[in-house]
C-alpha atoms as a PDB file:
ATOM      1  CA  MET A   1       0.000   0.000   0.000  1.00  0.00           C
ATOM      2  CA  PRO A   2       1.481   3.424  -0.950  1.00  0.00           C
ATOM      3  CA  PRO A   3       2.371   5.627   2.049  1.00  0.00           C
ATOM      4  CA  SER A   4      -0.341   8.140   1.111  1.00  0.00           C
ATOM      5  CA  GLN A   5      -2.964   5.392   1.423  1.00  0.00           C
ATOM      6  CA  ALA A   6      -1.620   3.764   4.581  1.00  0.00           C
ATOM      7  CA  GLU A   7      -4.053   3.606   7.471  1.00  0.00           C
ATOM      8  CA  PRO A   8      -3.178   6.090  10.216  1.00  0.00           C
ATOM      9  CA  GLU A   9      -1.758   4.761  13.442  1.00  0.00           C
ATOM     10  CA  PRO A  10      -4.312   4.518  16.247  1.00  0.00           C
ATOM     11  CA  VAL A  11      -4.002   7.096  18.995  1.00  0.00           C
ATOM     12  CA  LEU A  12      -3.524   4.328  21.560  1.00  0.00           C
ATOM     13  CA  ARG A  13      -2.433   0.760  21.017  1.00  0.00           C
ATOM     14  CA  ILE A  14      -1.916  -1.545  23.996  1.00  0.00           C
ATOM     15  CA  SER A  15      -0.522  -4.900  22.900  1.00  0.00           C
ATOM     16  CA  ALA A  16      -0.050  -8.102  24.942  1.00  0.00           C
ATOM     17  CA  VAL A  17       0.417  -6.152  28.164  1.00  0.00           C
ATOM     18  CA  ARG A  18       1.062  -7.803  31.487  1.00  0.00           C
ATOM     19  CA  ALA A  19       0.831  -5.539  34.525  1.00  0.00           C
ATOM     20  CA  GLY A  20       0.072  -5.897  38.205  1.00  0.00           C
ATOM     21  CA  TYR A  21       1.003  -4.975  41.745  1.00  0.00           C
ATOM     22  CA  ARG A  22       3.606  -6.605  44.014  1.00  0.00           C
ATOM     23  CA  GLY A  23       3.878  -9.669  41.831  1.00  0.00           C
ATOM     24  CA  ARG A  24       0.109 -10.122  41.508  1.00  0.00           C
ATOM     25  CA  PRO A  25      -0.914  -9.860  37.841  1.00  0.00           C
ATOM     26  CA  VAL A  26      -3.988  -7.766  37.053  1.00  0.00           C
ATOM     27  CA  LEU A  27      -3.670  -7.646  33.261  1.00  0.00           C
ATOM     28  CA  THR A  28      -2.305 -10.582  31.274  1.00  0.00           C
ATOM     29  CA  GLY A  29      -2.037 -10.465  27.483  1.00  0.00           C
ATOM     30  CA  PHE A  30      -4.227  -7.355  27.438  1.00  0.00           C
ATOM     31  CA  ASP A  31      -4.926  -5.635  24.092  1.00  0.00           C
ATOM     32  CA  LEU A  32      -6.761  -2.378  23.389  1.00  0.00           C
ATOM     33  CA  THR A  33      -6.860   0.016  20.440  1.00  0.00           C
ATOM     34  CA  ILE A  34      -8.411   3.497  20.368  1.00  0.00           C
ATOM     35  CA  GLY A  35      -8.518   5.498  17.161  1.00  0.00           C
ATOM     36  CA  ALA A  36      -8.456   9.232  16.572  1.00  0.00           C
ATOM     37  CA  GLY A  37     -11.880  10.783  16.908  1.00  0.00           C
ATOM     38  CA  GLU A  38     -13.425   8.187  19.207  1.00  0.00           C
ATOM     39  CA  THR A  39     -14.223   7.688  22.871  1.00  0.00           C
ATOM     40  CA  PHE A  40     -13.817   4.168  24.229  1.00  0.00           C
ATOM     41  CA  ALA A  41     -15.601   3.545  27.539  1.00  0.00           C
ATOM     42  CA  LEU A  42     -14.231   0.787  29.741  1.00  0.00           C
ATOM     43  CA  LEU A  43     -16.877  -0.741  32.010  1.00  0.00           C
ATOM     44  CA  GLY A  44     -16.965  -3.493  34.600  1.00  0.00           C
ATOM     45  CA  PRO A  45     -17.091  -4.185  38.334  1.00  0.00           C
ATOM     46  CA  ASN A  46     -14.620  -2.854  40.878  1.00  0.00           C
ATOM     47  CA  GLY A  47     -11.426  -4.873  40.758  1.00  0.00           C
ATOM     48  CA  ALA A  48     -11.808  -5.807  37.090  1.00  0.00           C
ATOM     49  CA  GLY A  49      -8.621  -3.931  36.136  1.00  0.00           C
ATOM     50  CA  LYS A  50     -10.047  -0.747  34.619  1.00  0.00           C
ATOM     51  CA  SER A  51      -7.914   1.657  36.649  1.00  0.00           C
ATOM     52  CA  THR A  52      -4.829  -0.424  35.901  1.00  0.00           C
ATOM     53  CA  VAL A  53      -5.552  -0.013  32.186  1.00  0.00           C
ATOM     54  CA  ALA A  54      -5.882   3.751  32.748  1.00  0.00           C
ATOM     55  CA  ARG A  55      -2.531   3.873  34.563  1.00  0.00           C
ATOM     56  CA  VAL A  56      -0.817   1.877  31.820  1.00  0.00           C
ATOM     57  CA  ALA A  57      -2.377   3.989  29.051  1.00  0.00           C
ATOM     58  CA  SER A  58      -1.391   7.278  30.698  1.00  0.00           C
ATOM     59  CA  GLY A  59       2.199   6.224  31.359  1.00  0.00           C
ATOM     60  CA  LEU A  60       1.864   6.115  35.144  1.00  0.00           C
ATOM     61  CA  MET A  61       2.525   2.383  35.262  1.00  0.00           C
ATOM     62  CA  ARG A  62       5.106   0.568  33.198  1.00  0.00           C
ATOM     63  CA  PRO A  63       3.955  -2.940  32.255  1.00  0.00           C
ATOM     64  CA  GLU A  64       6.113  -5.973  32.939  1.00  0.00           C
ATOM     65  CA  LEU A  65       5.546  -7.200  29.382  1.00  0.00           C
ATOM     66  CA  GLY A  66       3.952  -5.842  26.231  1.00  0.00           C
ATOM     67  CA  ASP A  67       3.864  -2.633  24.257  1.00  0.00           C
ATOM     68  CA  VAL A  68       2.041   0.682  24.728  1.00  0.00           C
ATOM     69  CA  ARG A  69       2.097   3.120  21.813  1.00  0.00           C
ATOM     70  CA  LEU A  70       0.751   6.626  21.364  1.00  0.00           C
ATOM     71  CA  CYS A  71       0.262   7.541  17.708  1.00  0.00           C
ATOM     72  CA  GLY A  72       2.730   4.793  16.792  1.00  0.00           C
ATOM     73  CA  GLN A  73       5.446   5.827  19.258  1.00  0.00           C
ATOM     74  CA  ASN A  74       6.341   3.872  22.382  1.00  0.00           C
ATOM     75  CA  ILE A  75       5.241   6.043  25.298  1.00  0.00           C
ATOM     76  CA  TRP A  76       8.431   5.179  27.164  1.00  0.00           C
ATOM     77  CA  ASP A  77      10.683   6.567  24.385  1.00  0.00           C
ATOM     78  CA  GLY A  78      11.644   9.819  26.074  1.00  0.00           C
ATOM     79  CA  GLY A  79       9.209  12.396  27.409  1.00  0.00           C
ATOM     80  CA  ALA A  80       7.574  13.590  24.186  1.00  0.00           C
ATOM     81  CA  PRO A  81       4.833  10.939  23.886  1.00  0.00           C
ATOM     82  CA  ALA A  82       3.815  11.243  27.545  1.00  0.00           C
ATOM     83  CA  ARG A  83       3.331  15.015  27.150  1.00  0.00           C
ATOM     84  CA  ARG A  84       0.637  14.296  24.539  1.00  0.00           C
ATOM     85  CA  ILE A  85      -1.516  12.469  27.112  1.00  0.00           C
ATOM     86  CA  GLY A  86      -4.078  14.393  29.159  1.00  0.00           C
ATOM     87  CA  LEU A  87      -5.047  12.614  32.385  1.00  0.00           C
ATOM     88  CA  ALA A  88      -8.126  13.434  34.463  1.00  0.00           C
ATOM     89  CA  PRO A  89      -7.688  11.052  37.423  1.00  0.00           C
ATOM     90  CA  GLN A  90     -10.502   9.883  39.665  1.00  0.00           C
ATOM     91  CA  GLU A  91      -9.212  12.004  42.540  1.00  0.00           C
ATOM     92  CA  CYS A  92      -8.931  15.735  41.844  1.00  0.00           C
ATOM     93  CA  ALA A  93      -5.272  16.399  40.979  1.00  0.00           C
ATOM     94  CA  LEU A  94      -5.294  20.200  41.238  1.00  0.00           C
ATOM     95  CA  PHE A  95      -3.557  22.538  43.691  1.00  0.00           C
ATOM     96  CA  ALA A  96      -6.272  23.498  46.185  1.00  0.00           C
ATOM     97  CA  ALA A  97      -4.734  26.899  46.994  1.00  0.00           C
ATOM     98  CA  LEU A  98      -4.628  27.985  43.337  1.00  0.00           C
ATOM     99  CA  THR A  99      -7.467  29.100  41.096  1.00  0.00           C
ATOM    100  CA  ILE A 100      -8.614  27.041  38.131  1.00  0.00           C
ATOM    101  CA  ARG A 101      -6.794  29.415  35.781  1.00  0.00           C
ATOM    102  CA  GLU A 102      -3.585  29.248  37.819  1.00  0.00           C
ATOM    103  CA  ASN A 103      -3.695  25.438  37.869  1.00  0.00           C
ATOM    104  CA  LEU A 104      -4.158  25.313  34.114  1.00  0.00           C
ATOM    105  CA  SER A 105      -1.327  27.803  33.638  1.00  0.00           C
ATOM    106  CA  VAL A 106       0.974  25.454  35.550  1.00  0.00           C
ATOM    107  CA  MET A 107      -0.060  22.597  33.248  1.00  0.00           C
ATOM    108  CA  ALA A 108       0.528  24.738  30.154  1.00  0.00           C
ATOM    109  CA  LYS A 109       3.980  25.760  31.367  1.00  0.00           C
ATOM    110  CA  LEU A 110       4.944  22.117  31.895  1.00  0.00           C
ATOM    111  CA  GLY A 111       4.019  21.460  28.272  1.00  0.00           C
ATOM    112  CA  GLY A 112       6.304  24.176  26.937  1.00  0.00           C
ATOM    113  CA  GLY A 113       5.592  26.911  24.409  1.00  0.00           C
ATOM    114  CA  ASP A 114       5.661  30.693  24.619  1.00  0.00           C
ATOM    115  CA  ARG A 115       3.491  32.759  26.955  1.00  0.00           C
ATOM    116  CA  GLU A 116       0.925  33.690  24.305  1.00  0.00           C
ATOM    117  CA  SER A 117       0.507  30.078  23.239  1.00  0.00           C
ATOM    118  CA  ARG A 118       0.109  28.941  26.845  1.00  0.00           C
ATOM    119  CA  SER A 119      -2.502  31.617  27.488  1.00  0.00           C
ATOM    120  CA  ARG A 120      -4.530  30.427  24.483  1.00  0.00           C
ATOM    121  CA  GLN A 121      -4.327  26.828  25.714  1.00  0.00           C
ATOM    122  CA  VAL A 122      -5.601  27.800  29.155  1.00  0.00           C
ATOM    123  CA  THR A 123      -8.463  29.891  27.781  1.00  0.00           C
ATOM    124  CA  SER A 124      -9.480  27.112  25.394  1.00  0.00           C
ATOM    125  CA  ALA A 125      -9.602  24.494  28.172  1.00  0.00           C
ATOM    126  CA  ILE A 126     -11.590  26.813  30.448  1.00  0.00           C
ATOM    127  CA  GLU A 127     -14.136  27.565  27.745  1.00  0.00           C
ATOM    128  CA  ARG A 128     -14.421  23.960  26.601  1.00  0.00           C
ATOM    129  CA  THR A 129     -15.321  22.737  30.090  1.00  0.00           C
ATOM    130  CA  ASP A 130     -17.600  25.744  30.711  1.00  0.00           C
ATOM    131  CA  CYS A 131     -15.483  26.882  33.680  1.00  0.00           C
ATOM    132  CA  THR A 132     -15.418  30.582  32.792  1.00  0.00           C
ATOM    133  CA  LEU A 133     -17.621  31.634  35.733  1.00  0.00           C
ATOM    134  CA  ARG A 134     -15.289  29.947  38.245  1.00  0.00           C
ATOM    135  CA  ALA A 135     -11.946  30.321  36.468  1.00  0.00           C
ATOM    136  CA  ASP A 136     -10.524  32.755  39.034  1.00  0.00           C
ATOM    137  CA  GLN A 137     -11.867  30.963  42.089  1.00  0.00           C
ATOM    138  CA  ARG A 138      -9.574  28.863  44.283  1.00  0.00           C
ATOM    139  CA  VAL A 139     -10.069  25.129  43.859  1.00  0.00           C
ATOM    140  CA  ALA A 140     -10.457  24.683  47.634  1.00  0.00           C
ATOM    141  CA  THR A 141     -13.682  26.715  47.517  1.00  0.00           C
ATOM    142  CA  LEU A 142     -15.277  24.855  44.598  1.00  0.00           C
ATOM    143  CA  SER A 143     -18.114  22.355  44.827  1.00  0.00           C
ATOM    144  CA  GLY A 144     -17.483  18.768  43.778  1.00  0.00           C
ATOM    145  CA  GLY A 145     -19.012  19.325  40.356  1.00  0.00           C
ATOM    146  CA  TRP A 146     -16.843  22.345  39.584  1.00  0.00           C
ATOM    147  CA  LYS A 147     -13.763  20.447  40.745  1.00  0.00           C
ATOM    148  CA  ARG A 148     -14.662  17.701  38.258  1.00  0.00           C
ATOM    149  CA  ARG A 149     -14.896  20.244  35.435  1.00  0.00           C
ATOM    150  CA  ALA A 150     -11.606  21.839  36.451  1.00  0.00           C
ATOM    151  CA  ASN A 151      -9.922  18.441  36.719  1.00  0.00           C
ATOM    152  CA  LEU A 152     -10.935  17.675  33.134  1.00  0.00           C
ATOM    153  CA  ALA A 153      -9.914  21.167  31.979  1.00  0.00           C
ATOM    154  CA  ALA A 154      -6.378  20.499  33.251  1.00  0.00           C
ATOM    155  CA  ALA A 155      -6.282  17.314  31.159  1.00  0.00           C
ATOM    156  CA  LEU A 156      -7.337  19.221  28.033  1.00  0.00           C
ATOM    157  CA  VAL A 157      -4.618  21.888  28.197  1.00  0.00           C
ATOM    158  CA  GLY A 158      -2.446  21.717  25.090  1.00  0.00           C
ATOM    159  CA  ARG A 159      -4.879  19.651  23.005  1.00  0.00           C
ATOM    160  CA  PRO A 160      -3.564  16.173  23.922  1.00  0.00           C
ATOM    161  CA  ALA A 161      -3.683  13.325  21.426  1.00  0.00           C
ATOM    162  CA  LEU A 162      -5.137  11.028  24.107  1.00  0.00           C
ATOM    163  CA  VAL A 163      -7.410  11.933  27.016  1.00  0.00           C
ATOM    164  CA  VAL A 164      -7.688   9.430  29.866  1.00  0.00           C
ATOM    165  CA  ALA A 165     -10.722  10.253  32.018  1.00  0.00           C
ATOM    166  CA  ASP A 166     -11.166   8.075  35.118  1.00  0.00           C
ATOM    167  CA  GLU A 167     -14.679   8.405  36.607  1.00  0.00           C
ATOM    168  CA  PRO A 168     -15.045  12.063  35.494  1.00  0.00           C
ATOM    169  CA  THR A 169     -18.710  12.300  36.570  1.00  0.00           C
ATOM    170  CA  GLU A 170     -18.523  10.720  40.017  1.00  0.00           C
ATOM    171  CA  GLY A 171     -20.847  12.641  42.333  1.00  0.00           C
ATOM    172  CA  VAL A 172     -21.907  15.317  39.810  1.00  0.00           C
ATOM    173  CA  ASP A 173     -25.331  16.697  38.917  1.00  0.00           C
ATOM    174  CA  ALA A 174     -27.022  16.485  35.514  1.00  0.00           C
ATOM    175  CA  PRO A 175     -25.821  19.886  34.158  1.00  0.00           C
ATOM    176  CA  THR A 176     -22.208  19.046  35.041  1.00  0.00           C
ATOM    177  CA  ARG A 177     -22.565  15.599  33.465  1.00  0.00           C
ATOM    178  CA  ARG A 178     -23.760  17.238  30.240  1.00  0.00           C
ATOM    179  CA  ALA A 179     -20.954  19.831  30.323  1.00  0.00           C
ATOM    180  CA  ILE A 180     -18.290  17.140  30.747  1.00  0.00           C
ATOM    181  CA  ALA A 181     -19.825  15.007  27.992  1.00  0.00           C
ATOM    182  CA  THR A 182     -19.897  18.005  25.654  1.00  0.00           C
ATOM    183  CA  ALA A 183     -16.253  18.838  26.416  1.00  0.00           C
ATOM    184  CA  LEU A 184     -15.145  15.286  25.656  1.00  0.00           C
ATOM    185  CA  ARG A 185     -17.207  15.111  22.453  1.00  0.00           C
ATOM    186  CA  GLN A 186     -15.698  18.387  21.217  1.00  0.00           C
ATOM    187  CA  THR A 187     -12.179  17.210  22.049  1.00  0.00           C
ATOM    188  CA  VAL A 188     -12.711  13.930  20.217  1.00  0.00           C
ATOM    189  CA  ALA A 189     -14.260  15.774  17.262  1.00  0.00           C
ATOM    190  CA  ASP A 190     -10.978  17.709  17.012  1.00  0.00           C
ATOM    191  CA  GLY A 191      -9.154  14.408  16.457  1.00  0.00           C
ATOM    192  CA  ALA A 192      -8.168  13.200  19.924  1.00  0.00           C
ATOM    193  CA  GLY A 193      -8.844   9.728  21.258  1.00  0.00           C
ATOM    194  CA  CYS A 194     -10.381   9.216  24.687  1.00  0.00           C
ATOM    195  CA  LEU A 195     -10.193   6.337  27.151  1.00  0.00           C
ATOM    196  CA  LEU A 196     -13.121   6.709  29.545  1.00  0.00           C
ATOM    197  CA  ILE A 197     -13.460   4.749  32.784  1.00  0.00           C
ATOM    198  CA  SER A 198     -16.975   5.061  34.171  1.00  0.00           C
ATOM    199  CA  HIS A 199     -19.697   3.476  36.301  1.00  0.00           C
ATOM    200  CA  ASP A 200     -22.187   6.077  35.030  1.00  0.00           C
ATOM    201  CA  PRO A 201     -24.412   4.496  32.330  1.00  0.00           C
ATOM    202  CA  ALA A 202     -26.158   7.778  31.502  1.00  0.00           C
ATOM    203  CA  PHE A 203     -22.797   9.437  30.864  1.00  0.00           C
ATOM    204  CA  VAL A 204     -21.541   6.519  28.775  1.00  0.00           C
ATOM    205  CA  GLU A 205     -24.692   6.846  26.652  1.00  0.00           C
ATOM    206  CA  MET A 206     -23.838  10.521  26.077  1.00  0.00           C
ATOM    207  CA  ALA A 207     -20.106  10.292  25.496  1.00  0.00           C
ATOM    208  CA  ALA A 208     -18.957   6.893  24.226  1.00  0.00           C
ATOM    209  CA  ASP A 209     -18.611   5.660  20.642  1.00  0.00           C
ATOM    210  CA  ARG A 210     -17.383   2.194  21.614  1.00  0.00           C
ATOM    211  CA  ILE A 211     -17.510   0.315  24.872  1.00  0.00           C
ATOM    212  CA  GLY A 212     -15.579  -2.564  26.387  1.00  0.00           C
ATOM    213  CA  VAL A 213     -16.551  -4.706  29.355  1.00  0.00           C
ATOM    214  CA  MET A 214     -13.823  -6.031  31.656  1.00  0.00           C
ATOM    215  CA  SER A 215     -13.839  -8.947  34.069  1.00  0.00           C
ATOM    216  CA  GLU A 216     -10.857 -10.197  36.071  1.00  0.00           C
ATOM    217  CA  GLY A 217      -8.330  -8.336  33.929  1.00  0.00           C
ATOM    218  CA  ARG A 218      -9.809  -9.464  30.608  1.00  0.00           C
ATOM    219  CA  LEU A 219     -11.762  -7.576  27.987  1.00  0.00           C
ATOM    220  CA  ILE A 220     -14.737  -9.921  27.568  1.00  0.00           C
ATOM    221  CA  ALA A 221     -16.595  -7.841  24.971  1.00  0.00           C
ATOM    222  CA  GLU A 222     -16.044  -4.687  22.946  1.00  0.00           C
ATOM    223  CA  GLY A 223     -17.725  -2.852  20.105  1.00  0.00           C
ATOM    224  CA  ALA A 224     -20.102  -0.058  19.205  1.00  0.00           C
ATOM    225  CA  ARG A 225     -22.673   0.414  21.955  1.00  0.00           C
ATOM    226  CA  GLU A 226     -25.767  -0.169  19.832  1.00  0.00           C
ATOM    227  CA  ALA A 227     -24.186  -3.143  18.060  1.00  0.00           C
ATOM    228  CA  LEU A 228     -23.350  -4.826  21.377  1.00  0.00           C
ATOM    229  CA  LEU A 229     -26.874  -4.222  22.657  1.00  0.00           C
ATOM    230  CA  ARG A 230     -28.373  -5.773  19.513  1.00  0.00           C
ATOM    231  CA  GLN A 231     -26.001  -8.749  19.636  1.00  0.00           C
ATOM    232  CA  THR A 232     -26.751  -9.366  23.300  1.00  0.00           C
ATOM    233  CA  PHE A 233     -30.496  -8.739  23.491  1.00  0.00           C
ATOM    234  CA  GLY A 234     -31.830  -8.805  19.931  1.00  0.00           C
ATOM    235  CA  ASP A 235     -35.409  -7.506  19.989  1.00  0.00           C
ATOM    236  CA  CYS A 236     -35.947  -8.209  23.701  1.00  0.00           C
ATOM    237  CA  LYS A 237     -37.366  -5.531  25.980  1.00  0.00           C
ATOM    238  CA  LEU A 238     -36.952  -4.857  29.688  1.00  0.00           C
ATOM    239  CA  LEU A 239     -40.008  -4.933  31.959  1.00  0.00           C
ATOM    240  CA  ILE A 240     -39.550  -3.132  35.282  1.00  0.00           C
ATOM    241  CA  VAL A 241     -41.997  -3.229  38.194  1.00  0.00           C
ATOM    242  CA  ARG A 242     -41.357  -0.722  41.001  1.00  0.00           C
ATOM    243  CA  PHE A 243     -42.866  -0.312  44.463  1.00  0.00           C
ATOM    244  CA  ASP A 244     -42.468   2.425  47.074  1.00  0.00           C
ATOM    245  CA  GLU A 245     -42.610  -0.263  49.768  1.00  0.00           C
ATOM    246  CA  PRO A 246     -41.895  -4.005  49.594  1.00  0.00           C
ATOM    247  CA  PRO A 247     -44.980  -5.714  48.110  1.00  0.00           C
ATOM    248  CA  PRO A 248     -47.044  -8.360  49.929  1.00  0.00           C
ATOM    249  CA  ALA A 249     -45.533 -11.836  49.987  1.00  0.00           C
ATOM    250  CA  SER A 250     -48.202 -13.114  47.594  1.00  0.00           C
ATOM    251  CA  THR A 251     -47.328 -10.405  45.050  1.00  0.00           C
ATOM    252  CA  ALA A 252     -43.601 -11.086  45.378  1.00  0.00           C
ATOM    253  CA  ALA A 253     -44.216 -14.804  44.877  1.00  0.00           C
ATOM    254  CA  ALA A 254     -46.302 -14.138  41.754  1.00  0.00           C
ATOM    255  CA  LEU A 255     -43.627 -11.870  40.290  1.00  0.00           C
ATOM    256  CA  ALA A 256     -40.944 -14.470  40.945  1.00  0.00           C
ATOM    257  CA  GLU A 257     -43.126 -17.161  39.365  1.00  0.00           C
ATOM    258  CA  ALA A 258     -43.456 -14.913  36.296  1.00  0.00           C
ATOM    259  CA  GLY A 259     -39.665 -15.003  35.953  1.00  0.00           C
ATOM    260  CA  MET A 260     -38.940 -11.555  37.363  1.00  0.00           C
ATOM    261  CA  ALA A 261     -35.758 -10.977  39.362  1.00  0.00           C
ATOM    262  CA  GLU A 262     -35.838  -9.031  42.622  1.00  0.00           C
ATOM    263  CA  ALA A 263     -33.625  -6.000  43.250  1.00  0.00           C
ATOM    264  CA  ASP A 264     -33.363  -3.104  45.701  1.00  0.00           C
ATOM    265  CA  GLY A 265     -34.837  -5.064  48.613  1.00  0.00           C
ATOM    266  CA  ALA A 266     -37.916  -6.156  46.635  1.00  0.00           C
ATOM    267  CA  LEU A 267     -38.684  -2.558  45.597  1.00  0.00           C
ATOM    268  CA  SER A 268     -37.774  -3.336  41.983  1.00  0.00           C
ATOM    269  CA  TRP A 269     -38.429  -6.417  39.829  1.00  0.00           C
ATOM    270  CA  ARG A 270     -37.046  -6.937  36.332  1.00  0.00           C
ATOM    271  CA  VAL A 271     -37.157  -9.322  33.417  1.00  0.00           C
ATOM    272  CA  ILE A 272     -35.783  -9.150  29.874  1.00  0.00           C
ATOM    273  CA  ASP A 273     -37.808 -11.039  27.277  1.00  0.00           C
ATOM    274  CA  ARG A 274     -39.164 -10.831  23.748  1.00  0.00           C
ATOM    275  CA  ASP A 275     -42.777 -10.812  24.931  1.00  0.00           C
ATOM    276  CA  VAL A 276     -42.763  -8.573  27.984  1.00  0.00           C
ATOM    277  CA  MET A 277     -46.041  -6.997  26.891  1.00  0.00           C
ATOM    278  CA  ALA A 278     -47.913 -10.238  27.589  1.00  0.00           C
ATOM    279  CA  ARG A 279     -46.287 -10.457  31.029  1.00  0.00           C
ATOM    280  CA  ALA A 280     -47.153  -6.850  31.762  1.00  0.00           C
ATOM    281  CA  GLN A 281     -50.790  -7.402  30.837  1.00  0.00           C
ATOM    282  CA  ALA A 282     -50.983 -10.551  32.971  1.00  0.00           C
ATOM    283  CA  LEU A 283     -49.448  -8.821  36.001  1.00  0.00           C
ATOM    284  CA  SER A 284     -50.912  -5.325  35.699  1.00  0.00           C
ATOM    285  CA  GLY A 285     -53.995  -5.834  37.898  1.00  0.00           C
ATOM    286  CA  MET A 286     -52.031  -7.387  40.743  1.00  0.00           C
ATOM    287  CA  VAL A 287     -49.278  -4.757  40.511  1.00  0.00           C
ATOM    288  CA  ASP A 288     -51.820  -1.904  40.544  1.00  0.00           C
ATOM    289  CA  GLN A 289     -53.534  -3.387  43.576  1.00  0.00           C
ATOM    290  CA  ALA A 290     -50.188  -3.563  45.403  1.00  0.00           C
ATOM    291  CA  GLY A 291     -49.429   0.081  44.560  1.00  0.00           C
ATOM    292  CA  GLY A 292     -46.714  -0.649  42.026  1.00  0.00           C
ATOM    293  CA  GLU A 293     -45.820   0.875  38.674  1.00  0.00           C
ATOM    294  CA  MET A 294     -44.669  -0.744  35.437  1.00  0.00           C
ATOM    295  CA  ALA A 295     -42.300   0.462  32.718  1.00  0.00           C
ATOM    296  CA  ILE A 296     -41.079  -1.125  29.490  1.00  0.00           C
ATOM    297  CA  ARG A 297     -37.928  -0.003  27.681  1.00  0.00           C
ATOM    298  CA  LYS A 298     -34.979  -1.302  25.727  1.00  0.00           C
ATOM    299  CA  PRO A 299     -32.163  -2.831  27.794  1.00  0.00           C
ATOM    300  CA  GLY A 300     -29.375  -0.324  28.396  1.00  0.00           C
ATOM    301  CA  ILE A 301     -25.761  -0.190  29.505  1.00  0.00           C
ATOM    302  CA  ASP A 302     -26.422  -1.530  33.021  1.00  0.00           C
ATOM    303  CA  GLU A 303     -28.276  -4.553  31.674  1.00  0.00           C
ATOM    304  CA  LEU A 304     -25.631  -5.122  29.004  1.00  0.00           C
ATOM    305  CA  VAL A 305     -22.782  -5.181  31.515  1.00  0.00           C
ATOM    306  CA  ALA A 306     -24.714  -7.468  33.875  1.00  0.00           C
ATOM    307  CA  ARG A 307     -25.567  -9.934  31.105  1.00  0.00           C
ATOM    308  CA  LEU A 308     -22.019 -10.065  29.724  1.00  0.00           C
ATOM    309  CA  LEU A 309     -20.527 -10.574  33.190  1.00  0.00           C
ATOM    310  CA  GLU A 310     -23.060 -13.329  33.851  1.00  0.00           C
ATOM    311  CA  ARG A 311     -22.027 -15.093  30.648  1.00  0.00           C
ATOM    312  CA  ALA A 312     -18.339 -14.750  31.484  1.00  0.00           C
ATOM    313  CA  ALA A 313     -18.705 -16.147  35.014  1.00  0.00           C
END
C-alpha cells in the first residue's frame, strides 16, 4: 500500500500487556486500540482492572511485558509521547490553593511553548469545560461538580492526542454531566482519542462511541454500543416493576413465578424477554392493587454489563 494510502496509526495501542502490583498480575495479554476521533468507555465491576488499564495507558505504570504506543510511538521513548496524554484522574489532581486558571497555567507551562501560546491553551480548556464563571476561584472553595470540570480542563490543556478520564462524573449533577460530555465530544471531534473509565451508564450513553466490558483483567466484549446491545439482546425488551414499599408476599411470589428478578430489597423487579407486553398485561392488575408501577424499555448499559458478566462467570 502506498504511504499516502496507509491507514493512520491509532491514537492508543496496547498490545499483549502484562501488569500488576507486588507480583500479583492484574492484566495478562491485554490488548486495546483506540482510534483518533473516538471515545472508548471501559466498564466493569470494581477490581476488574479498569484503573490499571488507565494507569498503563497514561504512562503512570510501566507494564512488565507488552507494548504501549501513542500515535505509533512507544510512550516510554523519552518524554515527548507522555506530554501528549491528558489525564483526568478519579481524585482531583489540582492545587487546592490555586485558582482554576492558575492550575491550568501550571499545566501549560509544563508542556512548553511561549506565553501567548500557553494563554490560548488555558483559555481554550476553560471555555471547553464551561469553567469561565469559576476560572478565578480557588479550587479549595469549589463544589465537587466544579472540581470535576476543572480536573478535566487540566487534562485538556495543550490539546492532547489522548485523554484518559477516570470516573469524570462521580458525584456530579445532571448539568455538570452534560458539560463534561460536551467537552469530551468536542475534544474527540478535534481528532483526539479518549479512554473513559466510568460506572455512570447515563454518561456513557452521552459520550462513548465504543464500549468494552472487563472482568478479572480481561476484555470480555467490545464494540459499538448499539451493536453490542443488539447482539446481546436482539429484539428483547426490559419490563420493570417498582414499588415504594416491599410488596405483599403473595405479590412477590407471583412476580418471581413470572420469571422476574428481585432487586433493591424487593422494591424493583425486572425481566428481559421478547414478549414482555404479555407479562405486563398478565401482572398489571395485581401490581396496581399492590401500589406498584410498570415500565417497558430497551435494555441499556447496566443490563448489558450485567448480562455479559453473567455469561463470562
